[in-house]
Amino acid sequence: MTYILRFLPEVEEDVITGYKWYEEKSSGLGEEFLRMFYAYAVELPRNPLLYSKIYREFRRRLLRDFHTPFTSG
């Protein structure tokens, strides 16, 4: 069976807001956020039943935590 992933407009707005927020914290961190987001987005339609329903037919996949790389000095 083929699944189609669709994002609500609110999700697109949240992704843009998230990118900007992370990029303000550390240059390149917004890019890491987008990379992770889109990697997970590709994964979802492959096996959406792995993720629990949160409302009607809506399912959720949380992103793993990430932060600025540790720098010494």
C-alpha atoms as a PDB file:
ATOM      1  CA  MET A   1       0.000   0.000   0.000  1.00  0.00           C
ATOM      2  CA  THR A   2       1.213   3.495  -0.848  1.00  0.00           C
ATOM      3  CA  TYR A   3       0.799   6.282   1.673  1.00  0.00           C
ATOM      4  CA  ILE A   4       0.890   9.993   0.956  1.00  0.00           C
ATOM      5  CA  LEU A   5       2.290  12.438   3.476  1.00  0.00           C
ATOM      6  CA  ARG A   6       0.588  15.814   3.593  1.00  0.00           C
ATOM      7  CA  PHE A   7       1.390  18.693   5.883  1.00  0.00           C
ATOM      8  CA  LEU A   8      -1.148  21.138   7.187  1.00  0.00           C
ATOM      9  CA  PRO A   9      -0.234  24.795   6.520  1.00  0.00           C
ATOM     10  CA  GLU A  10       0.407  25.144  10.250  1.00  0.00           C
ATOM     11  CA  VAL A  11       3.130  22.513  10.029  1.00  0.00           C
ATOM     12  CA  GLU A  12       4.886  24.386   7.246  1.00  0.00           C
ATOM     13  CA  GLU A  13       4.737  27.576   9.330  1.00  0.00           C
ATOM     14  CA  ASP A  14       6.099  25.724  12.369  1.00  0.00           C
ATOM     15  CA  VAL A  15       9.000  24.326  10.351  1.00  0.00           C
ATOM     16  CA  ILE A  16       9.954  27.787   9.095  1.00  0.00           C
ATOM     17  CA  THR A  17       9.668  29.197  12.614  1.00  0.00           C
ATOM     18  CA  GLY A  18      11.743  26.311  13.990  1.00  0.00           C
ATOM     19  CA  TYR A  19      14.420  26.827  11.370  1.00  0.00           C
ATOM     20  CA  LYS A  20      14.701  30.529  12.194  1.00  0.00           C
ATOM     21  CA  TRP A  21      14.759  29.888  15.947  1.00  0.00           C
ATOM     22  CA  TYR A  22      17.519  27.278  15.749  1.00  0.00           C
ATOM     23  CA  GLU A  23      19.526  29.335  13.270  1.00  0.00           C
ATOM     24  CA  GLU A  24      19.448  32.279  15.706  1.00  0.00           C
ATOM     25  CA  LYS A  25      20.838  30.015  18.428  1.00  0.00           C
ATOM     26  CA  SER A  26      23.745  28.806  16.323  1.00  0.00           C
ATOM     27  CA  SER A  27      24.647  29.179  12.680  1.00  0.00           C
ATOM     28  CA  GLY A  28      23.953  25.903  10.893  1.00  0.00           C
ATOM     29  CA  LEU A  29      21.665  24.522  13.586  1.00  0.00           C
ATOM     30  CA  GLY A  30      18.584  25.521  11.584  1.00  0.00           C
ATOM     31  CA  GLU A  31      19.979  23.524   8.670  1.00  0.00           C
ATOM     32  CA  GLU A  32      20.411  20.505  10.955  1.00  0.00           C
ATOM     33  CA  PHE A  33      16.788  20.906  12.077  1.00  0.00           C
ATOM     34  CA  LEU A  34      15.582  20.948   8.449  1.00  0.00           C
ATOM     35  CA  ARG A  35      17.772  17.983   7.536  1.00  0.00           C
ATOM     36  CA  MET A  36      16.315  15.940  10.369  1.00  0.00           C
ATOM     37  CA  PHE A  37      12.757  17.071   9.656  1.00  0.00           C
ATOM     38  CA  TYR A  38      12.913  16.080   5.988  1.00  0.00           C
ATOM     39  CA  ALA A  39      14.689  12.798   6.734  1.00  0.00           C
ATOM     40  CA  TYR A  40      11.855  11.850   9.068  1.00  0.00           C
ATOM     41  CA  ALA A  41       9.286  13.102   6.548  1.00  0.00           C
ATOM     42  CA  VAL A  42      10.662  10.646   3.978  1.00  0.00           C
ATOM     43  CA  GLU A  43      10.502   7.849   6.562  1.00  0.00           C
ATOM     44  CA  LEU A  44       6.852   8.388   7.557  1.00  0.00           C
ATOM     45  CA  PRO A  45       5.062   7.182   4.401  1.00  0.00           C
ATOM     46  CA  ARG A  46       7.185   4.028   4.311  1.00  0.00           C
ATOM     47  CA  ASN A  47       5.631   2.690   7.509  1.00  0.00           C
ATOM     48  CA  PRO A  48       3.193   5.137   9.109  1.00  0.00           C
ATOM     49  CA  LEU A  49       1.595   2.458  11.263  1.00  0.00           C
ATOM     50  CA  LEU A  50       4.707   2.499  13.471  1.00  0.00           C
ATOM     51  CA  TYR A  51       3.507   5.786  14.927  1.00  0.00           C
ATOM     52  CA  SER A  52       0.527   6.090  17.217  1.00  0.00           C
ATOM     53  CA  LYS A  53      -2.550   8.063  16.342  1.00  0.00           C
ATOM     54  CA  ILE A  54      -2.897  11.288  18.249  1.00  0.00           C
ATOM     55  CA  TYR A  55      -6.248  12.364  16.841  1.00  0.00           C
ATOM     56  CA  ARG A  56      -8.527  10.532  14.406  1.00  0.00           C
ATOM     57  CA  GLU A  57      -6.228   9.509  11.539  1.00  0.00           C
ATOM     58  CA  PHE A  58      -3.419  11.897  12.501  1.00  0.00           C
ATOM     59  CA  ARG A  59      -0.141  10.295  13.551  1.00  0.00           C
ATOM     60  CA  ARG A  60       2.925  11.870  15.117  1.00  0.00           C
ATOM     61  CA  ARG A  61       6.642  11.323  14.746  1.00  0.00           C
ATOM     62  CA  LEU A  62       8.733  13.343  17.187  1.00  0.00           C
ATOM     63  CA  LEU A  63      12.177  14.569  16.217  1.00  0.00           C
ATOM     64  CA  ARG A  64      15.074  13.457  18.362  1.00  0.00           C
ATOM     65  CA  ASP A  65      16.686  16.061  20.573  1.00  0.00           C
ATOM     66  CA  PHE A  66      19.650  17.875  19.169  1.00  0.00           C
ATOM     67  CA  HIS A  67      21.713  20.876  20.235  1.00  0.00           C
ATOM     68  CA  THR A  68      24.715  22.907  19.302  1.00  0.00           C
ATOM     69  CA  PRO A  69      27.876  20.864  19.037  1.00  0.00           C
ATOM     70  CA  PHE A  70      30.181  20.986  22.029  1.00  0.00           C
ATOM     71  CA  THR A  71      33.172  23.201  21.438  1.00  0.00           C
ATOM     72  CA  SER A  72      36.141  23.287  23.729  1.00  0.00           C
ATOM     73  CA  GLY A  73      38.328  26.215  24.425  1.00  0.00           C
END
